[in-house]
Amino acid sequence: MDNKNYPATEPALSEEGLRRRRLFGQTGGLVASFAIGSAIAGATLSNSASAEPATPQPDTATLNQFLKTSRFLTGHQSLDTTLGQRLYSAFSEKDPTFVTRLASLNQWIADKKPQDVEALDTQLQGQPLHDLMMSVIKGWYLGVTDEGHHAKVYGYQNALMYQVPRDGMVIPTYAHNGPDYWTADPPPVDRLLNF
């Protein structure tokens, strides 16, 4: 084989060329380590997520009792059952003692027979069940069970804070016609807008 086209030795790299080569090598190593680390972390998270037991769904009697208590606490008789199930599951997942505390609250209501939630609020002042009562009310009105801007939303459109004034206020969204406005038929073409 004839080596006339290739130099016998490689030319020496300049100092700047060596720095670039080192930087490129370090960057490549860093990217590769992030990729491998991300793959390992992703596999670990997916395995741990699948290993976690799912929050048990309440049976019909338990859900009905939660809804009955919620109707008393909120003063509204027509509560959304799906939102109720989501809130119940969220409270149960957040607090392992929720079910027993809810049973204690139900027993208190049955024993003391408060006339309404305001009377119950007065009775529970300073009691541990007062916090539970306020959490359930807050969950129904706000559609969340946690504080802060990272709170998971369990009900937006059906949150009670939007149901009370719904006859005079549109639910605030980026679409000012309300949630799911795009599912309605568009106005007919024969009606032109006036500017």
N, C-alpha and C. Protein backbone atom coordinates (compact mmCIF):
# COMPACT_ATOMS: atom_id res chain seq x y z
N MET A 1 0.84 -1.18 0.00
CA MET A 1 0.00 0.00 0.00
C MET A 1 0.88 1.24 0.00
N ASP A 2 0.50 2.17 -0.79
CA ASP A 2 1.31 3.37 -0.96
C ASP A 2 0.83 4.45 -0.02
N ASN A 3 1.70 5.00 0.82
CA ASN A 3 1.36 6.04 1.79
C ASN A 3 1.78 7.42 1.33
N LYS A 4 1.86 7.64 0.04
CA LYS A 4 2.33 8.95 -0.44
C LYS A 4 1.33 10.06 -0.16
N ASN A 5 0.03 9.72 -0.08
CA ASN A 5 -0.99 10.75 0.16
C ASN A 5 -1.13 11.12 1.63
N TYR A 6 -0.58 10.34 2.53
CA TYR A 6 -0.73 10.60 3.97
C TYR A 6 0.60 11.01 4.55
N PRO A 7 0.60 11.99 5.44
CA PRO A 7 1.87 12.36 6.08
C PRO A 7 2.34 11.25 7.01
N ALA A 8 3.61 11.17 7.20
CA ALA A 8 4.20 10.13 8.05
C ALA A 8 3.79 10.32 9.51
N THR A 9 3.65 11.53 9.98
CA THR A 9 3.25 11.81 11.36
C THR A 9 2.11 12.82 11.34
N GLU A 10 1.26 12.73 12.36
CA GLU A 10 0.17 13.71 12.46
C GLU A 10 0.73 15.03 12.95
N PRO A 11 0.17 16.13 12.43
CA PRO A 11 0.65 17.42 12.91
C PRO A 11 0.23 17.62 14.36
N ALA A 12 1.02 18.29 15.13
CA ALA A 12 0.73 18.55 16.54
C ALA A 12 -0.44 19.53 16.64
N LEU A 13 -1.33 19.27 17.60
CA LEU A 13 -2.46 20.18 17.82
C LEU A 13 -1.99 21.42 18.57
N SER A 14 -2.62 22.51 18.24
CA SER A 14 -2.31 23.74 18.97
C SER A 14 -2.91 23.63 20.37
N GLU A 15 -2.52 24.54 21.23
CA GLU A 15 -3.05 24.55 22.60
C GLU A 15 -4.56 24.74 22.59
N GLU A 16 -5.06 25.59 21.71
CA GLU A 16 -6.50 25.82 21.61
C GLU A 16 -7.21 24.56 21.11
N GLY A 17 -6.63 23.86 20.18
CA GLY A 17 -7.20 22.62 19.67
C GLY A 17 -7.28 21.55 20.75
N LEU A 18 -6.25 21.47 21.59
CA LEU A 18 -6.27 20.50 22.69
C LEU A 18 -7.37 20.82 23.69
N ARG A 19 -7.53 22.12 23.98
CA ARG A 19 -8.59 22.52 24.92
C ARG A 19 -9.97 22.17 24.36
N ARG A 20 -10.16 22.42 23.07
CA ARG A 20 -11.45 22.09 22.45
C ARG A 20 -11.71 20.59 22.50
N ARG A 21 -10.67 19.80 22.20
CA ARG A 21 -10.83 18.36 22.20
C ARG A 21 -11.18 17.86 23.61
N ARG A 22 -10.49 18.38 24.63
CA ARG A 22 -10.79 17.99 26.02
C ARG A 22 -12.22 18.38 26.40
N LEU A 23 -12.61 19.61 26.02
CA LEU A 23 -13.95 20.09 26.33
C LEU A 23 -14.99 19.20 25.64
N PHE A 24 -14.75 18.87 24.39
CA PHE A 24 -15.67 18.01 23.65
C PHE A 24 -15.78 16.64 24.33
N GLY A 25 -14.65 16.07 24.73
CA GLY A 25 -14.65 14.78 25.40
C GLY A 25 -15.38 14.82 26.73
N GLN A 26 -15.15 15.90 27.50
CA GLN A 26 -15.82 16.02 28.79
C GLN A 26 -17.32 16.23 28.61
N THR A 27 -17.70 17.03 27.62
CA THR A 27 -19.12 17.27 27.36
C THR A 27 -19.80 15.98 26.94
N GLY A 28 -19.14 15.23 26.05
CA GLY A 28 -19.70 13.95 25.62
C GLY A 28 -19.88 13.00 26.79
N GLY A 29 -18.88 12.95 27.67
CA GLY A 29 -18.98 12.10 28.85
C GLY A 29 -20.11 12.53 29.77
N LEU A 30 -20.27 13.84 29.92
CA LEU A 30 -21.33 14.38 30.77
C LEU A 30 -22.71 14.04 30.21
N VAL A 31 -22.87 14.23 28.90
CA VAL A 31 -24.15 13.91 28.26
C VAL A 31 -24.45 12.42 28.39
N ALA A 32 -23.44 11.59 28.17
CA ALA A 32 -23.63 10.14 28.29
C ALA A 32 -24.01 9.76 29.72
N SER A 33 -23.38 10.38 30.72
CA SER A 33 -23.72 10.05 32.11
C SER A 33 -25.13 10.49 32.45
N PHE A 34 -25.57 11.66 31.92
CA PHE A 34 -26.95 12.09 32.14
C PHE A 34 -27.93 11.13 31.49
N ALA A 35 -27.61 10.68 30.27
CA ALA A 35 -28.50 9.76 29.57
C ALA A 35 -28.63 8.44 30.32
N ILE A 36 -27.49 7.91 30.78
CA ILE A 36 -27.52 6.65 31.51
C ILE A 36 -28.24 6.84 32.85
N GLY A 37 -27.93 7.94 33.54
CA GLY A 37 -28.59 8.22 34.82
C GLY A 37 -30.09 8.39 34.66
N SER A 38 -30.51 9.08 33.59
CA SER A 38 -31.94 9.26 33.35
C SER A 38 -32.63 7.94 33.06
N ALA A 39 -31.98 7.09 32.30
CA ALA A 39 -32.57 5.78 31.99
C ALA A 39 -32.72 4.95 33.26
N ILE A 40 -31.69 4.98 34.11
CA ILE A 40 -31.75 4.22 35.37
C ILE A 40 -32.82 4.79 36.28
N ALA A 41 -32.86 6.13 36.39
CA ALA A 41 -33.87 6.77 37.26
C ALA A 41 -35.27 6.51 36.74
N GLY A 42 -35.44 6.55 35.42
CA GLY A 42 -36.76 6.28 34.84
C GLY A 42 -37.21 4.86 35.12
N ALA A 43 -36.30 3.91 34.98
CA ALA A 43 -36.64 2.52 35.26
C ALA A 43 -36.97 2.33 36.73
N THR A 44 -36.20 2.99 37.60
CA THR A 44 -36.45 2.89 39.04
C THR A 44 -37.80 3.49 39.40
N LEU A 45 -38.11 4.67 38.84
CA LEU A 45 -39.39 5.31 39.13
C LEU A 45 -40.56 4.49 38.61
N SER A 46 -40.44 3.95 37.41
CA SER A 46 -41.55 3.16 36.89
C SER A 46 -41.74 1.88 37.71
N ASN A 47 -40.63 1.29 38.17
CA ASN A 47 -40.75 0.09 39.01
C ASN A 47 -41.36 0.44 40.36
N SER A 48 -40.94 1.58 40.95
CA SER A 48 -41.48 1.95 42.26
C SER A 48 -42.92 2.38 42.13
N ALA A 49 -43.28 3.02 41.00
CA ALA A 49 -44.67 3.43 40.82
C ALA A 49 -45.58 2.22 40.67
N SER A 50 -45.09 1.20 39.96
CA SER A 50 -45.92 0.02 39.80
C SER A 50 -45.93 -0.82 41.08
N ALA A 51 -44.90 -0.65 41.92
CA ALA A 51 -44.85 -1.41 43.16
C ALA A 51 -45.74 -0.83 44.23
N GLU A 52 -46.06 0.49 44.11
CA GLU A 52 -46.91 1.12 45.12
C GLU A 52 -48.33 0.59 45.00
N PRO A 53 -48.95 0.29 46.11
CA PRO A 53 -50.33 -0.18 46.03
C PRO A 53 -51.25 0.97 45.62
N ALA A 54 -52.21 0.67 44.79
CA ALA A 54 -53.17 1.68 44.37
C ALA A 54 -54.08 2.01 45.55
N THR A 55 -54.54 3.25 45.59
CA THR A 55 -55.45 3.65 46.65
C THR A 55 -56.76 2.89 46.45
N PRO A 56 -57.21 2.18 47.46
CA PRO A 56 -58.43 1.41 47.29
C PRO A 56 -59.63 2.34 47.09
N GLN A 57 -60.48 1.96 46.16
CA GLN A 57 -61.68 2.73 45.92
C GLN A 57 -62.69 2.39 47.01
N PRO A 58 -63.43 3.40 47.47
CA PRO A 58 -64.38 3.12 48.55
C PRO A 58 -65.55 2.27 48.04
N ASP A 59 -66.07 1.44 48.94
CA ASP A 59 -67.26 0.68 48.55
C ASP A 59 -68.44 1.64 48.53
N THR A 60 -69.55 1.18 48.01
CA THR A 60 -70.72 2.05 47.82
C THR A 60 -71.22 2.62 49.14
N ALA A 61 -71.27 1.80 50.19
CA ALA A 61 -71.76 2.28 51.48
C ALA A 61 -70.84 3.36 52.06
N THR A 62 -69.52 3.16 51.95
CA THR A 62 -68.56 4.13 52.47
C THR A 62 -68.64 5.43 51.69
N LEU A 63 -68.72 5.34 50.37
CA LEU A 63 -68.83 6.54 49.54
C LEU A 63 -70.13 7.28 49.84
N ASN A 64 -71.23 6.54 49.99
CA ASN A 64 -72.51 7.18 50.30
C ASN A 64 -72.46 7.90 51.65
N GLN A 65 -71.76 7.30 52.62
CA GLN A 65 -71.62 7.95 53.93
C GLN A 65 -70.79 9.23 53.81
N PHE A 66 -69.71 9.17 53.01
CA PHE A 66 -68.88 10.37 52.79
C PHE A 66 -69.71 11.45 52.11
N LEU A 67 -70.50 11.08 51.13
CA LEU A 67 -71.34 12.06 50.43
C LEU A 67 -72.41 12.63 51.36
N LYS A 68 -72.98 11.80 52.23
CA LYS A 68 -73.99 12.27 53.19
C LYS A 68 -73.36 13.30 54.14
N THR A 69 -72.18 12.97 54.65
CA THR A 69 -71.47 13.90 55.53
C THR A 69 -71.12 15.18 54.79
N SER A 70 -70.67 15.03 53.55
CA SER A 70 -70.30 16.20 52.74
C SER A 70 -71.51 17.10 52.47
N ARG A 71 -72.67 16.49 52.24
CA ARG A 71 -73.88 17.30 52.02
C ARG A 71 -74.20 18.13 53.27
N PHE A 72 -74.03 17.52 54.43
CA PHE A 72 -74.28 18.27 55.67
C PHE A 72 -73.25 19.39 55.84
N LEU A 73 -71.98 19.08 55.56
CA LEU A 73 -70.92 20.06 55.78
C LEU A 73 -70.98 21.22 54.78
N THR A 74 -71.37 20.94 53.55
CA THR A 74 -71.39 22.00 52.53
C THR A 74 -72.74 22.69 52.43
N GLY A 75 -73.79 22.02 52.88
CA GLY A 75 -75.13 22.59 52.76
C GLY A 75 -75.71 22.42 51.37
N HIS A 76 -75.10 21.61 50.53
CA HIS A 76 -75.58 21.37 49.17
C HIS A 76 -75.95 19.90 49.02
N GLN A 77 -77.15 19.67 48.50
CA GLN A 77 -77.66 18.31 48.40
C GLN A 77 -77.25 17.60 47.12
N SER A 78 -76.99 18.34 46.05
CA SER A 78 -76.65 17.71 44.77
C SER A 78 -75.15 17.81 44.51
N LEU A 79 -74.38 16.97 45.18
CA LEU A 79 -72.93 16.94 45.01
C LEU A 79 -72.57 15.93 43.92
N ASP A 80 -71.52 16.23 43.18
CA ASP A 80 -71.06 15.36 42.11
C ASP A 80 -70.43 14.10 42.70
N THR A 81 -70.97 12.94 42.35
CA THR A 81 -70.50 11.67 42.90
C THR A 81 -69.07 11.36 42.47
N THR A 82 -68.73 11.66 41.21
CA THR A 82 -67.37 11.38 40.73
C THR A 82 -66.36 12.23 41.48
N LEU A 83 -66.66 13.50 41.68
CA LEU A 83 -65.77 14.36 42.46
C LEU A 83 -65.68 13.86 43.90
N GLY A 84 -66.80 13.40 44.46
CA GLY A 84 -66.79 12.84 45.80
C GLY A 84 -65.86 11.64 45.92
N GLN A 85 -65.89 10.77 44.92
CA GLN A 85 -65.01 9.60 44.93
C GLN A 85 -63.55 10.02 44.83
N ARG A 86 -63.26 11.01 43.98
CA ARG A 86 -61.89 11.50 43.85
C ARG A 86 -61.40 12.12 45.15
N LEU A 87 -62.25 12.94 45.77
CA LEU A 87 -61.85 13.58 47.03
C LEU A 87 -61.64 12.54 48.13
N TYR A 88 -62.55 11.58 48.21
CA TYR A 88 -62.41 10.53 49.23
C TYR A 88 -61.09 9.79 49.05
N SER A 89 -60.77 9.41 47.81
CA SER A 89 -59.52 8.70 47.53
C SER A 89 -58.31 9.58 47.86
N ALA A 90 -58.40 10.88 47.52
CA ALA A 90 -57.28 11.80 47.80
C ALA A 90 -57.07 11.96 49.30
N PHE A 91 -58.15 12.14 50.06
CA PHE A 91 -58.03 12.27 51.51
C PHE A 91 -57.47 10.98 52.12
N SER A 92 -57.95 9.82 51.63
CA SER A 92 -57.48 8.54 52.17
C SER A 92 -56.01 8.32 51.87
N GLU A 93 -55.57 8.74 50.67
CA GLU A 93 -54.17 8.57 50.29
C GLU A 93 -53.27 9.51 51.09
N LYS A 94 -53.75 10.72 51.32
CA LYS A 94 -52.97 11.73 52.04
C LYS A 94 -52.85 11.40 53.53
N ASP A 95 -53.93 10.87 54.11
CA ASP A 95 -53.97 10.62 55.55
C ASP A 95 -54.50 9.21 55.81
N PRO A 96 -53.64 8.29 56.26
CA PRO A 96 -54.09 6.91 56.51
C PRO A 96 -55.17 6.81 57.59
N THR A 97 -55.29 7.83 58.44
CA THR A 97 -56.30 7.79 59.50
C THR A 97 -57.60 8.47 59.07
N PHE A 98 -57.70 8.87 57.80
CA PHE A 98 -58.87 9.62 57.35
C PHE A 98 -60.17 8.85 57.58
N VAL A 99 -60.18 7.56 57.25
CA VAL A 99 -61.41 6.77 57.35
C VAL A 99 -61.90 6.72 58.80
N THR A 100 -60.99 6.48 59.74
CA THR A 100 -61.40 6.41 61.15
C THR A 100 -61.79 7.79 61.68
N ARG A 101 -61.09 8.82 61.23
CA ARG A 101 -61.46 10.18 61.66
C ARG A 101 -62.81 10.59 61.09
N LEU A 102 -63.09 10.19 59.85
CA LEU A 102 -64.39 10.48 59.25
C LEU A 102 -65.49 9.75 60.00
N ALA A 103 -65.24 8.50 60.41
CA ALA A 103 -66.22 7.75 61.20
C ALA A 103 -66.47 8.45 62.53
N SER A 104 -65.40 9.01 63.14
CA SER A 104 -65.57 9.75 64.40
C SER A 104 -66.39 11.00 64.19
N LEU A 105 -66.16 11.69 63.08
CA LEU A 105 -66.95 12.89 62.78
C LEU A 105 -68.41 12.53 62.56
N ASN A 106 -68.66 11.44 61.84
CA ASN A 106 -70.04 10.99 61.63
C ASN A 106 -70.71 10.64 62.95
N GLN A 107 -69.96 10.00 63.84
CA GLN A 107 -70.51 9.64 65.15
C GLN A 107 -70.82 10.89 65.96
N TRP A 108 -69.94 11.88 65.90
CA TRP A 108 -70.17 13.16 66.60
C TRP A 108 -71.46 13.79 66.11
N ILE A 109 -71.62 13.84 64.78
CA ILE A 109 -72.83 14.45 64.20
C ILE A 109 -74.07 13.68 64.64
N ALA A 110 -73.99 12.34 64.65
CA ALA A 110 -75.13 11.52 65.06
C ALA A 110 -75.45 11.72 66.54
N ASP A 111 -74.42 11.84 67.39
CA ASP A 111 -74.64 11.98 68.84
C ASP A 111 -75.10 13.38 69.22
N LYS A 112 -74.44 14.41 68.69
CA LYS A 112 -74.70 15.80 69.11
C LYS A 112 -75.84 16.44 68.32
N LYS A 113 -76.15 15.90 67.15
CA LYS A 113 -77.22 16.38 66.29
C LYS A 113 -77.20 17.91 66.09
N PRO A 114 -76.10 18.44 65.55
CA PRO A 114 -76.08 19.89 65.29
C PRO A 114 -77.11 20.24 64.21
N GLN A 115 -77.68 21.42 64.33
CA GLN A 115 -78.71 21.85 63.40
C GLN A 115 -78.16 22.05 62.00
N ASP A 116 -76.96 22.62 61.91
CA ASP A 116 -76.33 22.88 60.62
C ASP A 116 -74.82 22.91 60.81
N VAL A 117 -74.09 23.21 59.75
CA VAL A 117 -72.63 23.18 59.82
C VAL A 117 -72.09 24.29 60.72
N GLU A 118 -72.80 25.40 60.81
CA GLU A 118 -72.35 26.48 61.70
C GLU A 118 -72.41 26.03 63.16
N ALA A 119 -73.46 25.31 63.51
CA ALA A 119 -73.57 24.77 64.87
C ALA A 119 -72.48 23.72 65.11
N LEU A 120 -72.21 22.89 64.11
CA LEU A 120 -71.14 21.90 64.23
C LEU A 120 -69.79 22.59 64.39
N ASP A 121 -69.57 23.65 63.64
CA ASP A 121 -68.32 24.41 63.75
C ASP A 121 -68.14 24.93 65.17
N THR A 122 -69.18 25.43 65.77
CA THR A 122 -69.11 25.92 67.15
C THR A 122 -68.80 24.77 68.11
N GLN A 123 -69.44 23.62 67.92
CA GLN A 123 -69.22 22.46 68.79
C GLN A 123 -67.78 21.93 68.68
N LEU A 124 -67.22 21.98 67.48
CA LEU A 124 -65.90 21.37 67.26
C LEU A 124 -64.73 22.32 67.50
N GLN A 125 -64.98 23.55 67.89
CA GLN A 125 -63.88 24.48 68.14
C GLN A 125 -62.94 23.89 69.18
N GLY A 126 -61.66 23.81 68.83
CA GLY A 126 -60.65 23.26 69.73
C GLY A 126 -60.56 21.74 69.71
N GLN A 127 -61.41 21.08 68.94
CA GLN A 127 -61.40 19.62 68.83
C GLN A 127 -60.56 19.21 67.62
N PRO A 128 -59.93 18.04 67.65
CA PRO A 128 -59.16 17.58 66.49
C PRO A 128 -60.02 17.38 65.24
N LEU A 129 -61.31 17.08 65.41
CA LEU A 129 -62.18 16.85 64.26
C LEU A 129 -62.50 18.13 63.49
N HIS A 130 -62.22 19.29 64.10
CA HIS A 130 -62.49 20.55 63.42
C HIS A 130 -61.65 20.67 62.15
N ASP A 131 -60.39 20.27 62.22
CA ASP A 131 -59.52 20.34 61.04
C ASP A 131 -60.04 19.43 59.93
N LEU A 132 -60.52 18.25 60.29
CA LEU A 132 -61.08 17.34 59.30
C LEU A 132 -62.30 17.96 58.63
N MET A 133 -63.18 18.54 59.44
CA MET A 133 -64.38 19.18 58.90
C MET A 133 -63.99 20.27 57.89
N MET A 134 -63.03 21.11 58.25
CA MET A 134 -62.62 22.20 57.37
C MET A 134 -61.93 21.67 56.10
N SER A 135 -61.18 20.58 56.23
CA SER A 135 -60.52 19.99 55.05
C SER A 135 -61.54 19.47 54.05
N VAL A 136 -62.57 18.81 54.54
CA VAL A 136 -63.60 18.27 53.64
C VAL A 136 -64.34 19.41 52.95
N ILE A 137 -64.70 20.43 53.71
CA ILE A 137 -65.39 21.59 53.12
C ILE A 137 -64.50 22.25 52.07
N LYS A 138 -63.25 22.45 52.40
CA LYS A 138 -62.30 23.07 51.46
C LYS A 138 -62.14 22.23 50.21
N GLY A 139 -62.07 20.91 50.37
CA GLY A 139 -61.94 20.03 49.21
C GLY A 139 -63.10 20.19 48.24
N TRP A 140 -64.31 20.28 48.78
CA TRP A 140 -65.48 20.43 47.91
C TRP A 140 -65.53 21.81 47.26
N TYR A 141 -65.19 22.83 48.00
CA TYR A 141 -65.29 24.19 47.44
C TYR A 141 -64.15 24.52 46.49
N LEU A 142 -62.94 24.07 46.78
CA LEU A 142 -61.80 24.42 45.95
C LEU A 142 -61.43 23.34 44.94
N GLY A 143 -61.82 22.10 45.19
CA GLY A 143 -61.46 21.02 44.29
C GLY A 143 -60.06 20.50 44.50
N VAL A 144 -59.40 20.90 45.58
CA VAL A 144 -58.05 20.44 45.91
C VAL A 144 -58.03 20.00 47.37
N THR A 145 -57.01 19.19 47.73
CA THR A 145 -56.89 18.76 49.11
C THR A 145 -55.61 19.26 49.77
N ASP A 146 -54.73 19.89 48.97
CA ASP A 146 -53.44 20.37 49.49
C ASP A 146 -53.34 21.87 49.31
N GLU A 147 -52.35 22.44 49.97
CA GLU A 147 -52.04 23.87 49.84
C GLU A 147 -51.01 24.08 48.75
N GLY A 148 -50.85 25.29 48.30
CA GLY A 148 -49.76 25.65 47.41
C GLY A 148 -50.11 25.53 45.94
N HIS A 149 -49.21 26.04 45.12
CA HIS A 149 -49.46 26.06 43.68
C HIS A 149 -49.16 24.74 42.99
N HIS A 150 -48.65 23.75 43.71
CA HIS A 150 -48.41 22.43 43.13
C HIS A 150 -49.50 21.44 43.53
N ALA A 151 -50.58 21.94 44.12
CA ALA A 151 -51.65 21.06 44.57
C ALA A 151 -52.33 20.41 43.38
N LYS A 152 -52.67 19.13 43.51
CA LYS A 152 -53.37 18.41 42.45
C LYS A 152 -54.84 18.81 42.48
N VAL A 153 -55.38 19.11 41.32
CA VAL A 153 -56.77 19.53 41.21
C VAL A 153 -57.62 18.29 40.94
N TYR A 154 -58.61 18.05 41.80
CA TYR A 154 -59.50 16.91 41.65
C TYR A 154 -60.82 17.31 41.01
N GLY A 155 -61.17 18.56 41.10
CA GLY A 155 -62.40 19.05 40.48
C GLY A 155 -62.29 20.53 40.25
N TYR A 156 -62.43 20.97 39.01
CA TYR A 156 -62.37 22.40 38.71
C TYR A 156 -63.75 22.90 38.34
N GLN A 157 -64.28 22.35 37.28
CA GLN A 157 -65.59 22.77 36.79
C GLN A 157 -66.68 22.48 37.82
N ASN A 158 -66.53 21.40 38.58
CA ASN A 158 -67.56 21.01 39.55
C ASN A 158 -67.28 21.49 40.97
N ALA A 159 -66.20 22.25 41.16
CA ALA A 159 -65.91 22.79 42.50
C ALA A 159 -67.05 23.71 42.93
N LEU A 160 -67.43 23.63 44.19
CA LEU A 160 -68.59 24.38 44.66
C LEU A 160 -68.41 25.89 44.59
N MET A 161 -67.18 26.37 44.62
CA MET A 161 -66.99 27.81 44.55
C MET A 161 -67.49 28.38 43.22
N TYR A 162 -67.61 27.54 42.19
CA TYR A 162 -68.15 27.99 40.91
C TYR A 162 -69.62 27.64 40.75
N GLN A 163 -70.14 26.75 41.57
CA GLN A 163 -71.54 26.35 41.44
C GLN A 163 -72.48 27.37 42.08
N VAL A 164 -72.06 27.95 43.18
CA VAL A 164 -72.92 28.91 43.88
C VAL A 164 -73.26 30.12 43.02
N PRO A 165 -72.27 30.78 42.38
CA PRO A 165 -72.61 31.96 41.57
C PRO A 165 -72.76 31.66 40.08
N ARG A 166 -73.04 30.40 39.71
CA ARG A 166 -73.01 30.03 38.29
C ARG A 166 -74.06 30.74 37.45
N ASP A 167 -75.13 31.26 38.06
CA ASP A 167 -76.13 31.96 37.27
C ASP A 167 -75.67 33.35 36.84
N GLY A 168 -74.61 33.87 37.46
CA GLY A 168 -74.16 35.20 37.09
C GLY A 168 -72.68 35.31 36.79
N MET A 169 -71.95 34.19 36.85
CA MET A 169 -70.50 34.25 36.64
C MET A 169 -70.05 33.07 35.79
N VAL A 170 -69.23 33.35 34.81
CA VAL A 170 -68.64 32.30 33.99
C VAL A 170 -67.43 31.74 34.73
N ILE A 171 -67.24 30.43 34.67
CA ILE A 171 -66.08 29.81 35.31
C ILE A 171 -64.82 30.37 34.66
N PRO A 172 -63.89 30.95 35.42
CA PRO A 172 -62.72 31.56 34.81
C PRO A 172 -61.81 30.54 34.14
N THR A 173 -61.58 30.76 32.85
CA THR A 173 -60.68 29.92 32.06
C THR A 173 -60.03 30.82 31.02
N TYR A 174 -59.13 30.25 30.25
CA TYR A 174 -58.58 31.00 29.13
C TYR A 174 -59.63 31.16 28.04
N ALA A 175 -60.57 30.24 27.98
CA ALA A 175 -61.67 30.34 27.04
C ALA A 175 -62.84 30.96 27.78
N HIS A 176 -63.21 32.15 27.46
CA HIS A 176 -64.20 32.87 28.25
C HIS A 176 -65.62 32.35 28.10
N ASN A 177 -65.82 31.36 27.25
CA ASN A 177 -67.14 30.75 27.15
C ASN A 177 -67.28 29.57 28.09
N GLY A 178 -66.28 29.31 28.93
CA GLY A 178 -66.37 28.22 29.90
C GLY A 178 -65.71 26.95 29.41
N PRO A 179 -65.59 25.96 30.29
CA PRO A 179 -64.96 24.70 29.91
C PRO A 179 -65.73 24.00 28.80
N ASP A 180 -65.02 23.35 27.93
CA ASP A 180 -65.59 22.56 26.84
C ASP A 180 -66.45 23.38 25.88
N TYR A 181 -66.19 24.67 25.77
CA TYR A 181 -67.01 25.50 24.89
C TYR A 181 -66.88 25.05 23.44
N TRP A 182 -65.77 24.43 23.10
CA TRP A 182 -65.54 24.03 21.71
C TRP A 182 -66.40 22.84 21.28
N THR A 183 -67.07 22.18 22.22
CA THR A 183 -67.90 21.04 21.86
C THR A 183 -69.24 21.47 21.30
N ALA A 184 -69.62 22.72 21.51
CA ALA A 184 -70.89 23.21 20.97
C ALA A 184 -70.73 23.51 19.48
N ASP A 185 -71.83 23.41 18.75
CA ASP A 185 -71.79 23.74 17.32
C ASP A 185 -71.46 25.21 17.15
N PRO A 186 -70.64 25.52 16.14
CA PRO A 186 -70.32 26.93 15.89
C PRO A 186 -71.55 27.67 15.38
N PRO A 187 -71.55 29.01 15.49
CA PRO A 187 -72.71 29.75 14.98
C PRO A 187 -72.83 29.55 13.47
N PRO A 188 -74.03 29.66 12.93
CA PRO A 188 -74.19 29.46 11.49
C PRO A 188 -73.45 30.51 10.67
N VAL A 189 -73.08 30.11 9.44
CA VAL A 189 -72.29 30.99 8.59
C VAL A 189 -73.12 32.17 8.10
N ASP A 190 -74.43 32.01 7.98
CA ASP A 190 -75.26 33.09 7.44
C ASP A 190 -75.37 34.28 8.40
N ARG A 191 -74.89 34.10 9.63
CA ARG A 191 -74.93 35.21 10.58
C ARG A 191 -73.58 35.88 10.62
N LEU A 192 -73.45 37.05 10.07
CA LEU A 192 -72.17 37.76 10.02
C LEU A 192 -72.00 38.63 11.26
N LEU A 193 -70.77 38.75 11.68
CA LEU A 193 -70.47 39.61 12.83
C LEU A 193 -70.51 41.06 12.43
N ASN A 194 -70.98 41.90 13.31
CA ASN A 194 -70.97 43.33 13.09
C ASN A 194 -69.82 43.94 13.84
N PHE A 195 -69.03 44.77 13.16
CA PHE A 195 -67.88 45.43 13.80
C PHE A 195 -68.18 46.89 13.98
